[in-house]
């Protein structure tokens, strides 16, 4: 006679889905900024208690790192699609700047990654910095293929403009003004690269 044993489930089952929790926390961090969101704000939004939060994410910075990863995969500027080998470099960079202006204005909170590089928590700031540096490196390598002598300078200019667009969007600058700024920067890049 065969018997079937029930699985021994120790402890209480999780009352929440960690992936859904990351999705719920993302707009909190994006709208208010990392520093302005407390663990209490997060646990209230997730409907859990602090021990459950810490068991799942270890810390606020741990949750934030997961939020940044999700943001990079789902909402960040699609550099892979925009930095195209079949277009002039200046045109691709103009499209990156326009996408940044539109995305930052739509969120009305700028770029989650760029704004995260300015937060007070060293662990959270470093998590954002990793994503920011990866994007910079992708842009630099793209430019260097055809303009190696200008790659560093143009990358620095582009990322400085993007940081400014993010800050201005967070301050409420209109889409039209953000687009005008991105267009002016794109003109400067085109003249610099002279393609």
N, C-alpha and C. Protein backbone atom coordinates (compact mmCIF):
# COMPACT_ATOMS: atom_id res chain seq x y z
N UNK A 1 0.84 -1.17 0.00
CA UNK A 1 0.00 0.00 0.00
C UNK A 1 0.89 1.24 0.00
N UNK A 2 0.71 2.09 -0.97
CA UNK A 2 1.51 3.31 -1.08
C UNK A 2 0.84 4.42 -0.29
N UNK A 3 1.67 5.19 0.37
CA UNK A 3 1.14 6.34 1.09
C UNK A 3 1.75 7.61 0.51
N UNK A 4 1.00 8.63 0.56
CA UNK A 4 1.47 9.92 0.07
C UNK A 4 1.69 10.84 1.25
N UNK A 5 2.91 11.38 1.34
CA UNK A 5 3.21 12.31 2.43
C UNK A 5 2.98 13.73 1.94
N UNK A 6 2.41 14.48 2.82
CA UNK A 6 2.26 15.90 2.51
C UNK A 6 3.60 16.59 2.74
N UNK A 7 3.88 17.56 1.89
CA UNK A 7 5.12 18.32 2.05
C UNK A 7 5.08 19.06 3.38
N UNK A 8 6.20 19.07 4.06
CA UNK A 8 6.30 19.76 5.33
C UNK A 8 6.69 21.20 5.06
N UNK A 9 5.72 22.08 5.12
CA UNK A 9 5.97 23.50 4.88
C UNK A 9 6.22 24.17 6.22
N UNK A 10 7.47 24.44 6.51
CA UNK A 10 7.80 25.08 7.77
C UNK A 10 7.60 26.58 7.67
N UNK A 11 7.20 27.15 8.77
CA UNK A 11 7.02 28.60 8.81
C UNK A 11 5.76 29.01 8.07
N UNK A 12 5.50 30.28 8.17
CA UNK A 12 4.34 30.81 7.47
C UNK A 12 4.68 31.06 6.01
N UNK A 13 3.73 30.81 5.12
CA UNK A 13 4.00 31.14 3.71
C UNK A 13 4.10 32.65 3.54
N UNK A 14 4.86 33.06 2.56
CA UNK A 14 4.97 34.49 2.28
C UNK A 14 3.61 35.04 1.91
N UNK A 15 3.32 36.20 2.44
CA UNK A 15 2.03 36.83 2.16
C UNK A 15 2.10 37.75 0.96
N UNK A 16 3.26 37.84 0.35
CA UNK A 16 3.39 38.73 -0.79
C UNK A 16 4.38 38.14 -1.78
N UNK A 17 4.29 38.61 -2.99
CA UNK A 17 5.19 38.18 -4.06
C UNK A 17 6.32 39.20 -4.15
N UNK A 18 7.58 38.81 -3.92
CA UNK A 18 8.68 39.78 -3.95
C UNK A 18 8.79 40.53 -5.28
N UNK A 19 8.52 39.86 -6.40
CA UNK A 19 8.57 40.56 -7.69
C UNK A 19 7.49 41.62 -7.79
N UNK A 20 6.31 41.31 -7.28
CA UNK A 20 5.25 42.31 -7.26
C UNK A 20 5.59 43.43 -6.30
N UNK A 21 6.26 43.11 -5.22
CA UNK A 21 6.68 44.13 -4.27
C UNK A 21 7.66 45.10 -4.92
N UNK A 22 8.57 44.58 -5.73
CA UNK A 22 9.52 45.44 -6.45
C UNK A 22 8.77 46.36 -7.39
N UNK A 23 7.78 45.82 -8.10
CA UNK A 23 6.97 46.63 -9.01
C UNK A 23 6.18 47.70 -8.25
N UNK A 24 5.72 47.39 -7.08
CA UNK A 24 4.97 48.35 -6.26
C UNK A 24 5.89 49.43 -5.71
N UNK A 25 7.10 49.06 -5.34
CA UNK A 25 8.04 50.01 -4.74
C UNK A 25 8.63 50.97 -5.78
N UNK A 26 8.73 50.53 -7.03
CA UNK A 26 9.36 51.37 -8.06
C UNK A 26 8.77 52.77 -8.16
N UNK A 27 7.45 52.91 -8.29
CA UNK A 27 6.91 54.28 -8.39
C UNK A 27 7.12 55.11 -7.12
N UNK A 28 7.21 54.47 -5.98
CA UNK A 28 7.49 55.22 -4.74
C UNK A 28 8.87 55.88 -4.83
N UNK A 29 9.87 55.07 -5.17
CA UNK A 29 11.23 55.59 -5.28
C UNK A 29 11.33 56.62 -6.41
N UNK A 30 10.65 56.34 -7.50
CA UNK A 30 10.75 57.23 -8.65
C UNK A 30 10.10 58.59 -8.36
N UNK A 31 8.95 58.58 -7.76
CA UNK A 31 8.22 59.83 -7.52
C UNK A 31 8.87 60.68 -6.43
N UNK A 32 9.34 60.03 -5.38
CA UNK A 32 9.84 60.79 -4.22
C UNK A 32 11.35 60.84 -4.11
N UNK A 33 12.04 59.90 -4.77
CA UNK A 33 13.48 59.80 -4.59
C UNK A 33 13.79 58.84 -3.46
N UNK A 34 14.92 58.19 -3.54
CA UNK A 34 15.30 57.17 -2.56
C UNK A 34 15.25 57.69 -1.13
N UNK A 35 15.85 58.84 -0.89
CA UNK A 35 15.98 59.35 0.48
C UNK A 35 14.64 59.66 1.14
N UNK A 36 13.66 60.05 0.37
CA UNK A 36 12.36 60.47 0.93
C UNK A 36 11.42 59.29 1.20
N UNK A 37 11.80 58.09 0.79
CA UNK A 37 10.95 56.91 1.01
C UNK A 37 11.48 56.15 2.21
N UNK A 38 10.64 55.95 3.20
CA UNK A 38 11.05 55.22 4.40
C UNK A 38 10.64 53.75 4.30
N UNK A 39 11.24 52.94 5.14
CA UNK A 39 10.84 51.53 5.21
C UNK A 39 9.37 51.44 5.59
N UNK A 40 8.93 52.33 6.45
CA UNK A 40 7.51 52.36 6.84
C UNK A 40 6.62 52.63 5.64
N UNK A 41 7.03 53.58 4.77
CA UNK A 41 6.27 53.86 3.55
C UNK A 41 6.17 52.60 2.69
N UNK A 42 7.28 51.89 2.59
CA UNK A 42 7.33 50.70 1.74
C UNK A 42 6.45 49.60 2.32
N UNK A 43 6.61 49.31 3.60
CA UNK A 43 5.82 48.22 4.19
C UNK A 43 4.33 48.52 4.15
N UNK A 44 3.99 49.79 4.31
CA UNK A 44 2.58 50.18 4.22
C UNK A 44 2.06 49.95 2.79
N UNK A 45 2.84 50.36 1.80
CA UNK A 45 2.42 50.18 0.39
C UNK A 45 2.31 48.70 0.03
N UNK A 46 3.18 47.88 0.62
CA UNK A 46 3.18 46.45 0.32
C UNK A 46 2.20 45.66 1.19
N UNK A 47 1.75 46.27 2.25
CA UNK A 47 0.83 45.58 3.15
C UNK A 47 1.51 44.48 3.94
N UNK A 48 2.77 44.71 4.31
CA UNK A 48 3.52 43.72 5.09
C UNK A 48 4.12 44.39 6.32
N UNK A 49 4.66 43.56 7.22
CA UNK A 49 5.31 44.12 8.39
C UNK A 49 6.83 44.18 8.16
N UNK A 50 7.54 44.99 8.95
CA UNK A 50 8.98 45.14 8.75
C UNK A 50 9.78 43.82 8.75
N UNK A 51 9.49 42.86 9.65
CA UNK A 51 10.27 41.61 9.59
C UNK A 51 10.13 40.89 8.24
N UNK A 52 8.94 40.92 7.66
CA UNK A 52 8.75 40.30 6.34
C UNK A 52 9.55 41.05 5.27
N UNK A 53 9.56 42.38 5.38
CA UNK A 53 10.32 43.19 4.44
C UNK A 53 11.80 42.84 4.52
N UNK A 54 12.35 42.84 5.73
CA UNK A 54 13.78 42.58 5.89
C UNK A 54 14.14 41.15 5.50
N UNK A 55 13.23 40.20 5.75
CA UNK A 55 13.48 38.81 5.34
C UNK A 55 13.57 38.70 3.82
N UNK A 56 12.77 39.47 3.13
CA UNK A 56 12.74 39.39 1.67
C UNK A 56 13.85 40.20 1.00
N UNK A 57 14.17 41.38 1.54
CA UNK A 57 15.06 42.30 0.84
C UNK A 57 16.32 42.70 1.61
N UNK A 58 16.40 42.34 2.87
CA UNK A 58 17.55 42.62 3.72
C UNK A 58 17.60 44.07 4.17
N UNK A 59 17.33 45.01 3.26
CA UNK A 59 17.41 46.43 3.60
C UNK A 59 16.67 47.23 2.54
N UNK A 60 16.49 48.51 2.82
CA UNK A 60 15.88 49.39 1.82
C UNK A 60 16.77 49.45 0.58
N UNK A 61 18.08 49.51 0.78
CA UNK A 61 19.01 49.53 -0.36
C UNK A 61 18.93 48.23 -1.16
N UNK A 62 18.69 47.11 -0.48
CA UNK A 62 18.53 45.84 -1.18
C UNK A 62 17.32 45.84 -2.09
N UNK A 63 16.21 46.38 -1.59
CA UNK A 63 15.01 46.52 -2.42
C UNK A 63 15.29 47.47 -3.57
N UNK A 64 15.95 48.57 -3.29
CA UNK A 64 16.23 49.58 -4.31
C UNK A 64 17.08 48.99 -5.44
N UNK A 65 18.05 48.17 -5.11
CA UNK A 65 18.87 47.52 -6.14
C UNK A 65 18.00 46.67 -7.07
N UNK A 66 17.03 45.98 -6.49
CA UNK A 66 16.11 45.18 -7.32
C UNK A 66 15.20 46.08 -8.15
N UNK A 67 14.78 47.20 -7.59
CA UNK A 67 13.96 48.16 -8.33
C UNK A 67 14.75 48.71 -9.52
N UNK A 68 16.01 49.06 -9.30
CA UNK A 68 16.86 49.57 -10.38
C UNK A 68 17.01 48.53 -11.49
N UNK A 69 17.19 47.29 -11.11
CA UNK A 69 17.33 46.22 -12.11
C UNK A 69 16.06 46.11 -12.94
N UNK A 70 14.92 46.16 -12.29
CA UNK A 70 13.64 46.09 -13.01
C UNK A 70 13.47 47.29 -13.94
N UNK A 71 13.79 48.47 -13.42
CA UNK A 71 13.69 49.70 -14.21
C UNK A 71 14.59 49.62 -15.45
N UNK A 72 15.81 49.16 -15.27
CA UNK A 72 16.75 49.06 -16.39
C UNK A 72 16.22 48.10 -17.46
N UNK A 73 15.53 47.06 -17.04
CA UNK A 73 15.00 46.08 -18.00
C UNK A 73 13.70 46.52 -18.67
N UNK A 74 12.91 47.36 -17.99
CA UNK A 74 11.56 47.63 -18.49
C UNK A 74 11.27 49.07 -18.88
N UNK A 75 11.95 50.04 -18.27
CA UNK A 75 11.55 51.43 -18.48
C UNK A 75 12.68 52.37 -18.89
N UNK A 76 13.90 51.94 -18.79
CA UNK A 76 15.02 52.83 -19.10
C UNK A 76 15.09 53.10 -20.60
N UNK A 77 15.85 54.10 -20.97
CA UNK A 77 16.05 54.43 -22.38
C UNK A 77 16.62 53.21 -23.09
N UNK A 78 16.01 52.79 -24.19
CA UNK A 78 16.45 51.56 -24.87
C UNK A 78 17.71 51.80 -25.72
N UNK A 79 18.85 51.93 -25.06
CA UNK A 79 20.11 52.21 -25.77
C UNK A 79 20.41 51.16 -26.82
N UNK A 80 20.12 49.92 -26.52
CA UNK A 80 20.39 48.84 -27.48
C UNK A 80 19.68 49.09 -28.81
N UNK A 81 18.48 49.62 -28.75
CA UNK A 81 17.71 49.89 -29.97
C UNK A 81 18.09 51.21 -30.63
N UNK A 82 18.49 52.19 -29.84
CA UNK A 82 18.75 53.52 -30.37
C UNK A 82 20.16 53.72 -30.91
N UNK A 83 21.13 53.04 -30.35
CA UNK A 83 22.52 53.19 -30.80
C UNK A 83 22.77 52.23 -31.95
N UNK A 84 22.37 52.65 -33.13
CA UNK A 84 22.36 51.77 -34.30
C UNK A 84 23.59 51.99 -35.18
N UNK A 85 24.14 50.90 -35.64
CA UNK A 85 25.31 50.95 -36.51
C UNK A 85 24.97 51.46 -37.90
N UNK A 86 23.70 51.36 -38.31
CA UNK A 86 23.31 51.77 -39.67
C UNK A 86 22.95 53.25 -39.76
N UNK A 87 23.06 54.00 -38.66
CA UNK A 87 22.76 55.43 -38.66
C UNK A 87 24.02 56.21 -38.30
N UNK A 88 24.09 57.47 -38.73
CA UNK A 88 25.19 58.31 -38.25
C UNK A 88 25.15 58.40 -36.72
N UNK A 89 26.30 58.45 -36.11
CA UNK A 89 26.39 58.50 -34.65
C UNK A 89 25.59 59.68 -34.10
N UNK A 90 25.74 60.84 -34.71
CA UNK A 90 25.03 62.03 -34.22
C UNK A 90 23.52 61.84 -34.25
N UNK A 91 23.02 61.18 -35.27
CA UNK A 91 21.57 60.94 -35.36
C UNK A 91 21.11 60.01 -34.24
N UNK A 92 21.87 58.95 -34.01
CA UNK A 92 21.51 58.02 -32.93
C UNK A 92 21.54 58.72 -31.57
N UNK A 93 22.54 59.56 -31.36
CA UNK A 93 22.63 60.27 -30.08
C UNK A 93 21.50 61.29 -29.94
N UNK A 94 21.09 61.91 -31.04
CA UNK A 94 19.94 62.81 -31.00
C UNK A 94 18.68 62.04 -30.59
N UNK A 95 18.54 60.82 -31.07
CA UNK A 95 17.38 60.00 -30.70
C UNK A 95 17.44 59.60 -29.23
N UNK A 96 18.65 59.37 -28.71
CA UNK A 96 18.80 59.07 -27.28
C UNK A 96 18.35 60.27 -26.45
N UNK A 97 18.80 61.45 -26.84
CA UNK A 97 18.43 62.66 -26.10
C UNK A 97 16.92 62.92 -26.16
N UNK A 98 16.32 62.73 -27.32
CA UNK A 98 14.88 62.92 -27.43
C UNK A 98 14.13 61.90 -26.58
N UNK A 99 14.58 60.65 -26.61
CA UNK A 99 13.95 59.61 -25.79
C UNK A 99 14.07 59.96 -24.31
N UNK A 100 15.23 60.49 -23.91
CA UNK A 100 15.42 60.89 -22.52
C UNK A 100 14.44 61.98 -22.13
N UNK A 101 14.33 63.01 -22.96
CA UNK A 101 13.42 64.11 -22.66
C UNK A 101 11.99 63.60 -22.51
N UNK A 102 11.57 62.76 -23.44
CA UNK A 102 10.20 62.24 -23.40
C UNK A 102 9.96 61.35 -22.18
N UNK A 103 10.89 60.45 -21.91
CA UNK A 103 10.74 59.54 -20.78
C UNK A 103 10.75 60.31 -19.45
N UNK A 104 11.70 61.21 -19.29
CA UNK A 104 11.80 61.94 -18.04
C UNK A 104 10.58 62.82 -17.80
N UNK A 105 10.06 63.41 -18.87
CA UNK A 105 8.85 64.24 -18.72
C UNK A 105 7.63 63.38 -18.40
N UNK A 106 7.53 62.24 -19.05
CA UNK A 106 6.38 61.35 -18.83
C UNK A 106 6.34 60.88 -17.38
N UNK A 107 7.50 60.58 -16.83
CA UNK A 107 7.57 60.13 -15.44
C UNK A 107 7.40 61.30 -14.48
N UNK A 108 7.68 62.52 -14.97
CA UNK A 108 7.65 63.74 -14.16
C UNK A 108 8.55 63.63 -12.94
N UNK A 109 9.51 62.75 -13.02
CA UNK A 109 10.42 62.56 -11.90
C UNK A 109 11.85 62.31 -12.37
N UNK A 110 12.11 62.53 -13.64
CA UNK A 110 13.45 62.32 -14.16
C UNK A 110 13.78 60.84 -14.29
N UNK A 111 15.04 60.55 -14.27
CA UNK A 111 15.54 59.18 -14.44
C UNK A 111 15.79 58.56 -13.07
N UNK A 112 15.21 57.42 -12.81
CA UNK A 112 15.39 56.74 -11.53
C UNK A 112 16.86 56.46 -11.26
N UNK A 113 17.62 56.08 -12.28
CA UNK A 113 19.03 55.76 -12.10
C UNK A 113 19.84 57.02 -11.81
N UNK A 114 19.70 58.03 -12.66
CA UNK A 114 20.47 59.27 -12.47
C UNK A 114 20.15 59.89 -11.12
N UNK A 115 18.87 59.97 -10.78
CA UNK A 115 18.51 60.57 -9.50
C UNK A 115 19.04 59.73 -8.35
N UNK A 116 19.11 58.43 -8.53
CA UNK A 116 19.65 57.55 -7.49
C UNK A 116 21.13 57.77 -7.22
N UNK A 117 21.86 58.24 -8.23
CA UNK A 117 23.29 58.50 -8.01
C UNK A 117 23.52 59.70 -7.10
N UNK A 118 22.45 60.41 -6.78
CA UNK A 118 22.56 61.60 -5.92
C UNK A 118 22.04 61.35 -4.50
N UNK A 119 21.61 60.14 -4.18
CA UNK A 119 21.01 59.90 -2.87
C UNK A 119 22.08 59.82 -1.78
N UNK A 120 21.64 59.87 -0.54
CA UNK A 120 22.55 59.91 0.60
C UNK A 120 23.08 58.55 1.05
N UNK A 121 22.34 57.49 0.78
CA UNK A 121 22.74 56.15 1.23
C UNK A 121 23.85 55.62 0.32
N UNK A 122 25.03 55.33 0.85
CA UNK A 122 26.14 54.87 0.00
C UNK A 122 25.84 53.59 -0.77
N UNK A 123 25.14 52.65 -0.16
CA UNK A 123 24.83 51.38 -0.85
C UNK A 123 23.86 51.62 -2.01
N UNK A 124 22.84 52.42 -1.77
CA UNK A 124 21.87 52.72 -2.84
C UNK A 124 22.52 53.55 -3.93
N UNK A 125 23.34 54.51 -3.53
CA UNK A 125 24.03 55.36 -4.52
C UNK A 125 24.94 54.50 -5.40
N UNK A 126 25.65 53.56 -4.81
CA UNK A 126 26.53 52.68 -5.59
C UNK A 126 25.73 51.78 -6.52
N UNK A 127 24.58 51.30 -6.07
CA UNK A 127 23.73 50.46 -6.93
C UNK A 127 23.30 51.25 -8.16
N UNK A 128 22.91 52.50 -7.97
CA UNK A 128 22.51 53.35 -9.11
C UNK A 128 23.72 53.66 -9.98
N UNK A 129 24.85 53.89 -9.36
CA UNK A 129 26.07 54.23 -10.10
C UNK A 129 26.48 53.11 -11.05
N UNK A 130 26.29 51.88 -10.65
CA UNK A 130 26.63 50.73 -11.51
C UNK A 130 25.85 50.80 -12.82
N UNK A 131 24.55 51.05 -12.72
CA UNK A 131 23.72 51.15 -13.93
C UNK A 131 24.10 52.38 -14.76
N UNK A 132 24.37 53.49 -14.08
CA UNK A 132 24.73 54.72 -14.77
C UNK A 132 26.05 54.55 -15.54
N UNK A 133 27.03 53.96 -14.90
CA UNK A 133 28.32 53.76 -15.56
C UNK A 133 28.21 52.77 -16.72
N UNK A 134 27.35 51.77 -16.57
CA UNK A 134 27.15 50.81 -17.67
C UNK A 134 26.56 51.50 -18.89
N UNK A 135 25.62 52.41 -18.68
CA UNK A 135 25.03 53.14 -19.80
C UNK A 135 26.07 54.06 -20.43
N UNK A 136 26.85 54.74 -19.62
CA UNK A 136 27.90 55.60 -20.15
C UNK A 136 28.90 54.79 -20.98
N UNK A 137 29.26 53.64 -20.48
CA UNK A 137 30.23 52.80 -21.20
C UNK A 137 29.66 52.34 -22.54
N UNK A 138 28.39 51.98 -22.55
CA UNK A 138 27.76 51.56 -23.81
C UNK A 138 27.79 52.70 -24.83
N UNK A 139 27.46 53.89 -24.39
CA UNK A 139 27.47 55.06 -25.27
C UNK A 139 28.89 55.36 -25.76
N UNK A 140 29.85 55.34 -24.85
CA UNK A 140 31.25 55.62 -25.20
C UNK A 140 31.76 54.62 -26.24
N UNK A 141 31.49 53.35 -26.01
CA UNK A 141 31.95 52.32 -26.96
C UNK A 141 31.29 52.50 -28.32
N UNK A 142 30.02 52.88 -28.33
CA UNK A 142 29.31 53.11 -29.59
C UNK A 142 29.96 54.25 -30.38
N UNK A 143 30.23 55.35 -29.71
CA UNK A 143 30.85 56.49 -30.38
C UNK A 143 32.27 56.15 -30.84
N UNK A 144 33.01 55.44 -30.03
CA UNK A 144 34.41 55.14 -30.31
C UNK A 144 34.62 54.32 -31.57
N UNK A 145 33.62 53.56 -31.98
CA UNK A 145 33.77 52.76 -33.20
C UNK A 145 34.06 53.65 -34.39
N UNK A 146 33.36 54.80 -34.49
CA UNK A 146 33.54 55.69 -35.64
C UNK A 146 34.24 57.01 -35.31
N UNK A 147 34.26 57.36 -34.05
CA UNK A 147 34.88 58.64 -33.64
C UNK A 147 35.71 58.42 -32.38
N UNK A 148 36.74 57.61 -32.44
CA UNK A 148 37.50 57.30 -31.22
C UNK A 148 38.08 58.53 -30.53
N UNK A 149 38.49 59.52 -31.32
CA UNK A 149 39.10 60.71 -30.74
C UNK A 149 38.10 61.60 -30.00
N UNK A 150 36.81 61.43 -30.28
CA UNK A 150 35.78 62.26 -29.65
C UNK A 150 34.92 61.49 -28.64
N UNK A 151 35.16 60.21 -28.51
CA UNK A 151 34.25 59.37 -27.71
C UNK A 151 34.12 59.84 -26.26
N UNK A 152 35.24 60.13 -25.63
CA UNK A 152 35.20 60.54 -24.22
C UNK A 152 34.47 61.87 -24.06
N UNK A 153 34.86 62.84 -24.85
CA UNK A 153 34.30 64.19 -24.74
C UNK A 153 32.81 64.22 -25.05
N UNK A 154 32.40 63.54 -26.11
CA UNK A 154 30.98 63.54 -26.48
C UNK A 154 30.15 62.75 -25.46
N UNK A 155 30.69 61.66 -24.96
CA UNK A 155 29.98 60.90 -23.93
C UNK A 155 29.78 61.75 -22.68
N UNK A 156 30.83 62.45 -22.27
CA UNK A 156 30.70 63.32 -21.10
C UNK A 156 29.63 64.39 -21.32
N UNK A 157 29.64 65.00 -22.50
CA UNK A 157 28.66 66.03 -22.82
C UNK A 157 27.25 65.45 -22.80
N UNK A 158 27.06 64.33 -23.49
CA UNK A 158 25.74 63.71 -23.59
C UNK A 158 25.20 63.33 -22.21
N UNK A 159 26.03 62.70 -21.39
CA UNK A 159 25.55 62.25 -20.08
C UNK A 159 25.31 63.44 -19.15
N UNK A 160 26.06 64.52 -19.32
CA UNK A 160 25.81 65.73 -18.54
C UNK A 160 24.47 66.35 -18.93
N UNK A 161 24.18 66.38 -20.22
CA UNK A 161 22.89 66.90 -20.69
C UNK A 161 21.76 66.02 -20.16
N UNK A 162 21.94 64.70 -20.20
CA UNK A 162 20.89 63.80 -19.71
C UNK A 162 20.64 64.00 -18.22
N UNK A 163 21.71 64.21 -17.45
CA UNK A 163 21.53 64.47 -16.01
C UNK A 163 20.76 65.77 -15.81
N UNK A 164 21.05 66.77 -16.64
CA UNK A 164 20.33 68.03 -16.55
C UNK A 164 18.87 67.88 -16.94
N UNK A 165 18.61 67.10 -17.99
CA UNK A 165 17.22 66.85 -18.40
C UNK A 165 16.45 66.17 -17.27
N UNK A 166 17.11 65.20 -16.62
CA UNK A 166 16.47 64.49 -15.52
C UNK A 166 16.13 65.45 -14.38
N UNK A 167 17.10 66.27 -14.00
CA UNK A 167 16.88 67.23 -12.91
C UNK A 167 15.78 68.23 -13.26
N UNK A 168 15.78 68.71 -14.49
CA UNK A 168 14.76 69.69 -14.89
C UNK A 168 13.37 69.07 -14.97
N UNK A 169 13.29 67.83 -15.44
CA UNK A 169 11.99 67.14 -15.47
C UNK A 169 11.47 66.98 -14.05
N UNK A 170 12.35 66.65 -13.13
CA UNK A 170 11.96 66.49 -11.73
C UNK A 170 11.46 67.81 -11.15
N UNK A 171 11.97 68.92 -11.66
CA UNK A 171 11.55 70.25 -11.21
C UNK A 171 10.31 70.75 -11.94
N UNK A 172 9.81 69.95 -12.90
CA UNK A 172 8.56 70.31 -13.56
C UNK A 172 8.70 70.99 -14.92
N UNK A 173 9.90 70.98 -15.50
CA UNK A 173 10.05 71.60 -16.82
C UNK A 173 9.17 70.86 -17.82
N UNK A 174 8.56 71.61 -18.73
CA UNK A 174 7.64 71.03 -19.70
C UNK A 174 8.38 70.18 -20.73
N UNK A 175 7.63 69.28 -21.35
CA UNK A 175 8.20 68.44 -22.40
C UNK A 175 8.76 69.29 -23.53
N UNK A 176 8.04 70.32 -23.94
CA UNK A 176 8.52 71.18 -25.03
C UNK A 176 9.89 71.76 -24.73
N UNK A 177 10.08 72.23 -23.52
CA UNK A 177 11.37 72.82 -23.15
C UNK A 177 12.46 71.76 -23.05
N UNK A 178 12.11 70.59 -22.53
CA UNK A 178 13.10 69.50 -22.47
C UNK A 178 13.52 69.08 -23.89
N UNK A 179 12.54 69.00 -24.80
CA UNK A 179 12.85 68.64 -26.18
C UNK A 179 13.70 69.72 -26.85
N UNK A 180 13.42 70.98 -26.57
CA UNK A 180 14.22 72.06 -27.14
C UNK A 180 15.67 71.96 -26.65
N UNK A 181 15.85 71.65 -25.40
CA UNK A 181 17.20 71.49 -24.85
C UNK A 181 17.90 70.30 -25.49
N UNK A 182 17.19 69.18 -25.62
CA UNK A 182 17.80 68.00 -26.23
C UNK A 182 18.15 68.26 -27.69
N UNK A 183 17.33 69.03 -28.39
CA UNK A 183 17.60 69.37 -29.78
C UNK A 183 18.84 70.25 -29.91
N UNK A 184 18.97 71.22 -29.03
CA UNK A 184 20.14 72.09 -29.04
C UNK A 184 21.41 71.28 -28.76
N UNK A 185 21.33 70.37 -27.80
CA UNK A 185 22.48 69.51 -27.51
C UNK A 185 22.81 68.60 -28.69
N UNK A 186 21.80 68.09 -29.37
CA UNK A 186 22.01 67.23 -30.52
C UNK A 186 22.71 68.00 -31.64
N UNK A 187 22.35 69.27 -31.81
CA UNK A 187 23.01 70.11 -32.83
C UNK A 187 24.49 70.28 -32.50
N UNK A 188 24.79 70.49 -31.24
CA UNK A 188 26.18 70.63 -30.81
C UNK A 188 26.96 69.34 -31.07
N UNK A 189 26.35 68.21 -30.77
CA UNK A 189 27.02 66.92 -31.02
C UNK A 189 27.26 66.73 -32.50
N UNK A 190 26.27 67.04 -33.33
CA UNK A 190 26.42 66.88 -34.78
C UNK A 190 27.56 67.73 -35.30
N UNK A 191 27.68 68.96 -34.82
CA UNK A 191 28.78 69.82 -35.26
C UNK A 191 30.12 69.28 -34.79
N UNK A 192 30.15 68.76 -33.59
CA UNK A 192 31.39 68.21 -33.05
C UNK A 192 31.86 67.00 -33.85
N UNK A 193 30.91 66.15 -34.20
CA UNK A 193 31.28 64.92 -34.93
C UNK A 193 31.41 65.16 -36.43
N UNK A 194 30.76 66.18 -36.94
CA UNK A 194 30.85 66.55 -38.37
C UNK A 194 30.72 65.35 -39.30
N UNK A 195 29.64 64.62 -39.14
CA UNK A 195 29.43 63.44 -40.00
C UNK A 195 28.80 63.84 -41.31
